[in-house]
Amino acid sequence: MGKETALMFAKVGATVLIHGRNPKKLADTLAALREANPKGGQYYSYQADYASLADVRAMAETIKKSISKLIFSSITLAFTLIKGLLRKMVLN
């Protein structure tokens, strides 16, 4: 998922997980996510290099420990996106 996609999800109130190698870029992206939805949201960032299996394993363990229950529901996601888009259409 790219930065623009993450921002789109943040704008409609989704929980967003991002990962990257560069801590500065991660911090900048987190700031952009918070700015995209000033009402607040849940945003998580994880630093890892996907070229390193050790980094990927460590990141997976960190995610597993920090997020006790992460459920991905495409129906809920679709509803959230549609609701956000409809709200935007009504306000514009």
N, C-alpha and C. Protein backbone atom coordinates (compact mmCIF):
# COMPACT_ATOMS: atom_id res chain seq x y z
N MET A 1 0.86 -1.16 0.00
CA MET A 1 0.00 0.00 0.00
C MET A 1 0.90 1.22 0.00
N GLY A 2 0.62 2.17 -0.85
CA GLY A 2 1.41 3.38 -0.92
C GLY A 2 0.90 4.46 0.01
N LYS A 3 1.66 5.52 0.09
CA LYS A 3 1.32 6.63 0.99
C LYS A 3 -0.04 7.23 0.66
N GLU A 4 -0.32 7.44 -0.62
CA GLU A 4 -1.60 8.05 -0.99
C GLU A 4 -2.77 7.15 -0.61
N THR A 5 -2.60 5.85 -0.73
CA THR A 5 -3.65 4.92 -0.34
C THR A 5 -3.86 4.97 1.17
N ALA A 6 -2.76 5.01 1.91
CA ALA A 6 -2.85 5.12 3.38
C ALA A 6 -3.58 6.40 3.77
N LEU A 7 -3.30 7.50 3.09
CA LEU A 7 -3.97 8.77 3.38
C LEU A 7 -5.47 8.67 3.08
N MET A 8 -5.82 8.00 1.99
CA MET A 8 -7.23 7.82 1.64
C MET A 8 -7.95 7.07 2.75
N PHE A 9 -7.33 6.00 3.25
CA PHE A 9 -7.94 5.24 4.33
C PHE A 9 -8.04 6.07 5.61
N ALA A 10 -7.02 6.85 5.91
CA ALA A 10 -7.04 7.70 7.11
C ALA A 10 -8.18 8.70 7.05
N LYS A 11 -8.43 9.26 5.88
CA LYS A 11 -9.47 10.26 5.72
C LYS A 11 -10.86 9.72 6.04
N VAL A 12 -11.05 8.42 5.83
CA VAL A 12 -12.38 7.83 6.11
C VAL A 12 -12.42 7.12 7.46
N GLY A 13 -11.36 7.30 8.25
CA GLY A 13 -11.38 6.78 9.61
C GLY A 13 -10.88 5.36 9.81
N ALA A 14 -10.24 4.79 8.80
CA ALA A 14 -9.74 3.42 8.93
C ALA A 14 -8.50 3.37 9.81
N THR A 15 -8.28 2.23 10.42
CA THR A 15 -7.02 1.96 11.11
C THR A 15 -5.98 1.66 10.05
N VAL A 16 -4.83 2.31 10.14
CA VAL A 16 -3.81 2.17 9.09
C VAL A 16 -2.50 1.70 9.70
N LEU A 17 -1.93 0.66 9.10
CA LEU A 17 -0.61 0.16 9.46
C LEU A 17 0.32 0.46 8.30
N ILE A 18 1.46 1.07 8.60
CA ILE A 18 2.43 1.35 7.55
C ILE A 18 3.77 0.75 7.95
N HIS A 19 4.58 0.50 6.97
CA HIS A 19 5.91 -0.03 7.23
C HIS A 19 6.88 0.63 6.26
N GLY A 20 8.12 0.70 6.66
CA GLY A 20 9.15 1.24 5.79
C GLY A 20 10.53 1.03 6.38
N ARG A 21 11.52 1.36 5.60
CA ARG A 21 12.91 1.22 6.07
C ARG A 21 13.41 2.50 6.70
N ASN A 22 12.88 3.63 6.25
CA ASN A 22 13.42 4.93 6.64
C ASN A 22 12.59 5.54 7.78
N PRO A 23 13.19 5.69 8.97
CA PRO A 23 12.42 6.21 10.10
C PRO A 23 11.90 7.63 9.89
N LYS A 24 12.62 8.47 9.18
CA LYS A 24 12.17 9.84 8.89
C LYS A 24 10.93 9.82 8.01
N LYS A 25 10.95 8.99 6.98
CA LYS A 25 9.79 8.90 6.09
C LYS A 25 8.58 8.33 6.82
N LEU A 26 8.83 7.37 7.71
CA LEU A 26 7.73 6.82 8.51
C LEU A 26 7.11 7.90 9.40
N ALA A 27 7.97 8.68 10.06
CA ALA A 27 7.48 9.76 10.93
C ALA A 27 6.71 10.79 10.12
N ASP A 28 7.22 11.14 8.95
CA ASP A 28 6.53 12.11 8.08
C ASP A 28 5.17 11.58 7.63
N THR A 29 5.12 10.29 7.29
CA THR A 29 3.87 9.69 6.85
C THR A 29 2.86 9.63 8.00
N LEU A 30 3.31 9.28 9.19
CA LEU A 30 2.42 9.28 10.36
C LEU A 30 1.84 10.67 10.59
N ALA A 31 2.68 11.68 10.47
CA ALA A 31 2.20 13.07 10.64
C ALA A 31 1.16 13.40 9.58
N ALA A 32 1.39 12.96 8.35
CA ALA A 32 0.43 13.21 7.26
C ALA A 32 -0.89 12.48 7.52
N LEU A 33 -0.82 11.27 8.07
CA LEU A 33 -2.04 10.53 8.39
C LEU A 33 -2.85 11.26 9.46
N ARG A 34 -2.15 11.74 10.49
CA ARG A 34 -2.84 12.48 11.56
C ARG A 34 -3.45 13.77 11.03
N GLU A 35 -2.76 14.39 10.12
CA GLU A 35 -3.25 15.64 9.52
C GLU A 35 -4.46 15.36 8.62
N ALA A 36 -4.47 14.21 7.97
CA ALA A 36 -5.57 13.85 7.06
C ALA A 36 -6.87 13.64 7.81
N ASN A 37 -6.78 13.26 9.08
CA ASN A 37 -7.98 13.04 9.88
C ASN A 37 -7.75 13.61 11.28
N PRO A 38 -7.95 14.92 11.42
CA PRO A 38 -7.71 15.58 12.71
C PRO A 38 -8.57 15.05 13.86
N LYS A 39 -9.67 14.38 13.54
CA LYS A 39 -10.54 13.83 14.59
C LYS A 39 -9.87 12.63 15.27
N GLY A 40 -8.83 12.17 14.69
CA GLY A 40 -8.10 11.05 15.29
C GLY A 40 -8.38 9.75 14.59
N GLY A 41 -7.44 8.89 14.70
CA GLY A 41 -7.55 7.56 14.11
C GLY A 41 -6.47 6.71 14.71
N GLN A 42 -6.43 5.49 14.31
CA GLN A 42 -5.40 4.59 14.79
C GLN A 42 -4.40 4.35 13.67
N TYR A 43 -3.19 4.77 13.91
CA TYR A 43 -2.13 4.65 12.91
C TYR A 43 -0.92 4.00 13.56
N TYR A 44 -0.40 2.99 12.92
CA TYR A 44 0.74 2.26 13.44
C TYR A 44 1.84 2.23 12.38
N SER A 45 3.07 2.42 12.82
CA SER A 45 4.19 2.33 11.88
C SER A 45 5.21 1.32 12.38
N TYR A 46 5.80 0.62 11.44
CA TYR A 46 6.78 -0.41 11.76
C TYR A 46 7.96 -0.27 10.81
N GLN A 47 9.13 -0.26 11.39
CA GLN A 47 10.34 -0.14 10.58
C GLN A 47 10.92 -1.52 10.34
N ALA A 48 11.14 -1.85 9.08
CA ALA A 48 11.75 -3.12 8.71
C ALA A 48 12.21 -3.06 7.27
N ASP A 49 13.23 -3.81 6.98
CA ASP A 49 13.72 -3.94 5.61
C ASP A 49 13.25 -5.30 5.09
N TYR A 50 12.39 -5.31 4.09
CA TYR A 50 11.84 -6.56 3.58
C TYR A 50 12.90 -7.45 2.94
N ALA A 51 14.08 -6.92 2.68
CA ALA A 51 15.17 -7.73 2.15
C ALA A 51 15.82 -8.56 3.27
N SER A 52 15.48 -8.26 4.52
CA SER A 52 16.04 -8.97 5.67
C SER A 52 14.96 -9.81 6.34
N LEU A 53 15.11 -11.12 6.27
CA LEU A 53 14.13 -12.01 6.90
C LEU A 53 14.06 -11.77 8.40
N ALA A 54 15.20 -11.47 9.02
CA ALA A 54 15.22 -11.18 10.46
C ALA A 54 14.39 -9.94 10.77
N ASP A 55 14.51 -8.89 9.94
CA ASP A 55 13.71 -7.68 10.13
C ASP A 55 12.22 -7.98 10.00
N VAL A 56 11.86 -8.77 9.00
CA VAL A 56 10.46 -9.09 8.76
C VAL A 56 9.89 -9.90 9.92
N ARG A 57 10.65 -10.86 10.40
CA ARG A 57 10.20 -11.65 11.55
C ARG A 57 10.03 -10.78 12.79
N ALA A 58 10.99 -9.90 13.02
CA ALA A 58 10.91 -9.01 14.19
C ALA A 58 9.70 -8.09 14.07
N MET A 59 9.45 -7.58 12.87
CA MET A 59 8.29 -6.71 12.66
C MET A 59 7.00 -7.49 12.92
N ALA A 60 6.92 -8.71 12.42
CA ALA A 60 5.73 -9.53 12.62
C ALA A 60 5.49 -9.78 14.11
N GLU A 61 6.53 -10.03 14.87
CA GLU A 61 6.39 -10.24 16.31
C GLU A 61 5.92 -8.96 17.00
N THR A 62 6.46 -7.83 16.58
CA THR A 62 6.05 -6.55 17.16
C THR A 62 4.57 -6.28 16.89
N ILE A 63 4.15 -6.53 15.66
CA ILE A 63 2.75 -6.33 15.30
C ILE A 63 1.87 -7.28 16.12
N LYS A 64 2.29 -8.51 16.22
CA LYS A 64 1.53 -9.52 16.97
C LYS A 64 1.36 -9.10 18.43
N LYS A 65 2.40 -8.54 19.02
CA LYS A 65 2.34 -8.13 20.42
C LYS A 65 1.56 -6.82 20.61
N SER A 66 1.69 -5.89 19.67
CA SER A 66 1.08 -4.57 19.87
C SER A 66 -0.38 -4.51 19.46
N ILE A 67 -0.79 -5.39 18.61
CA ILE A 67 -2.19 -5.40 18.17
C ILE A 67 -2.76 -6.77 18.51
N SER A 68 -3.50 -6.82 19.57
CA SER A 68 -3.98 -8.12 20.06
C SER A 68 -4.95 -8.78 19.10
N LYS A 69 -5.75 -7.96 18.43
CA LYS A 69 -6.75 -8.54 17.54
C LYS A 69 -6.92 -7.64 16.32
N LEU A 70 -6.47 -8.13 15.18
CA LEU A 70 -6.60 -7.36 13.95
C LEU A 70 -7.44 -8.18 12.98
N ILE A 71 -8.62 -7.69 12.71
CA ILE A 71 -9.53 -8.40 11.83
C ILE A 71 -9.74 -7.57 10.57
N PHE A 72 -9.50 -8.19 9.45
CA PHE A 72 -9.72 -7.48 8.19
C PHE A 72 -11.03 -7.97 7.61
N SER A 73 -11.94 -7.07 7.43
CA SER A 73 -13.23 -7.40 6.85
C SER A 73 -13.45 -6.53 5.62
N SER A 74 -13.46 -7.15 4.47
CA SER A 74 -13.63 -6.36 3.25
C SER A 74 -14.99 -5.69 3.20
N ILE A 75 -16.00 -6.29 3.81
CA ILE A 75 -17.33 -5.68 3.83
C ILE A 75 -17.30 -4.40 4.66
N THR A 76 -16.69 -4.48 5.85
CA THR A 76 -16.59 -3.31 6.71
C THR A 76 -15.75 -2.23 6.05
N LEU A 77 -14.65 -2.64 5.44
CA LEU A 77 -13.78 -1.70 4.76
C LEU A 77 -14.53 -1.01 3.62
N ALA A 78 -15.23 -1.78 2.82
CA ALA A 78 -15.99 -1.20 1.71
C ALA A 78 -17.04 -0.23 2.23
N PHE A 79 -17.75 -0.61 3.29
CA PHE A 79 -18.76 0.26 3.88
C PHE A 79 -18.13 1.57 4.36
N THR A 80 -16.98 1.46 5.03
CA THR A 80 -16.29 2.65 5.53
C THR A 80 -15.89 3.57 4.39
N LEU A 81 -15.35 2.99 3.32
CA LEU A 81 -14.96 3.80 2.17
C LEU A 81 -16.16 4.47 1.51
N ILE A 82 -17.21 3.71 1.31
CA ILE A 82 -18.41 4.26 0.67
C ILE A 82 -19.01 5.36 1.53
N LYS A 83 -19.09 5.11 2.83
CA LYS A 83 -19.63 6.12 3.75
C LYS A 83 -18.80 7.41 3.68
N GLY A 84 -17.49 7.28 3.67
CA GLY A 84 -16.62 8.44 3.59
C GLY A 84 -16.76 9.18 2.27
N LEU A 85 -16.87 8.42 1.18
CA LEU A 85 -17.02 9.04 -0.13
C LEU A 85 -18.37 9.75 -0.24
N LEU A 86 -19.41 9.13 0.27
CA LEU A 86 -20.74 9.77 0.24
C LEU A 86 -20.74 11.05 1.07
N ARG A 87 -20.11 10.99 2.24
CA ARG A 87 -20.02 12.18 3.08
C ARG A 87 -19.30 13.30 2.34
N LYS A 88 -18.23 12.94 1.66
CA LYS A 88 -17.46 13.94 0.92
C LYS A 88 -18.29 14.52 -0.22
N MET A 89 -19.07 13.67 -0.90
CA MET A 89 -19.90 14.15 -2.00
C MET A 89 -20.98 15.10 -1.50
N VAL A 90 -21.56 14.81 -0.34
CA VAL A 90 -22.61 15.65 0.23
C VAL A 90 -22.04 17.00 0.66
N LEU A 91 -20.83 16.98 1.21
CA LEU A 91 -20.24 18.21 1.70
C LEU A 91 -19.69 19.09 0.58
N ASN A 92 -19.42 18.51 -0.57
CA ASN A 92 -18.87 19.30 -1.70
C ASN A 92 -19.91 19.76 -2.63
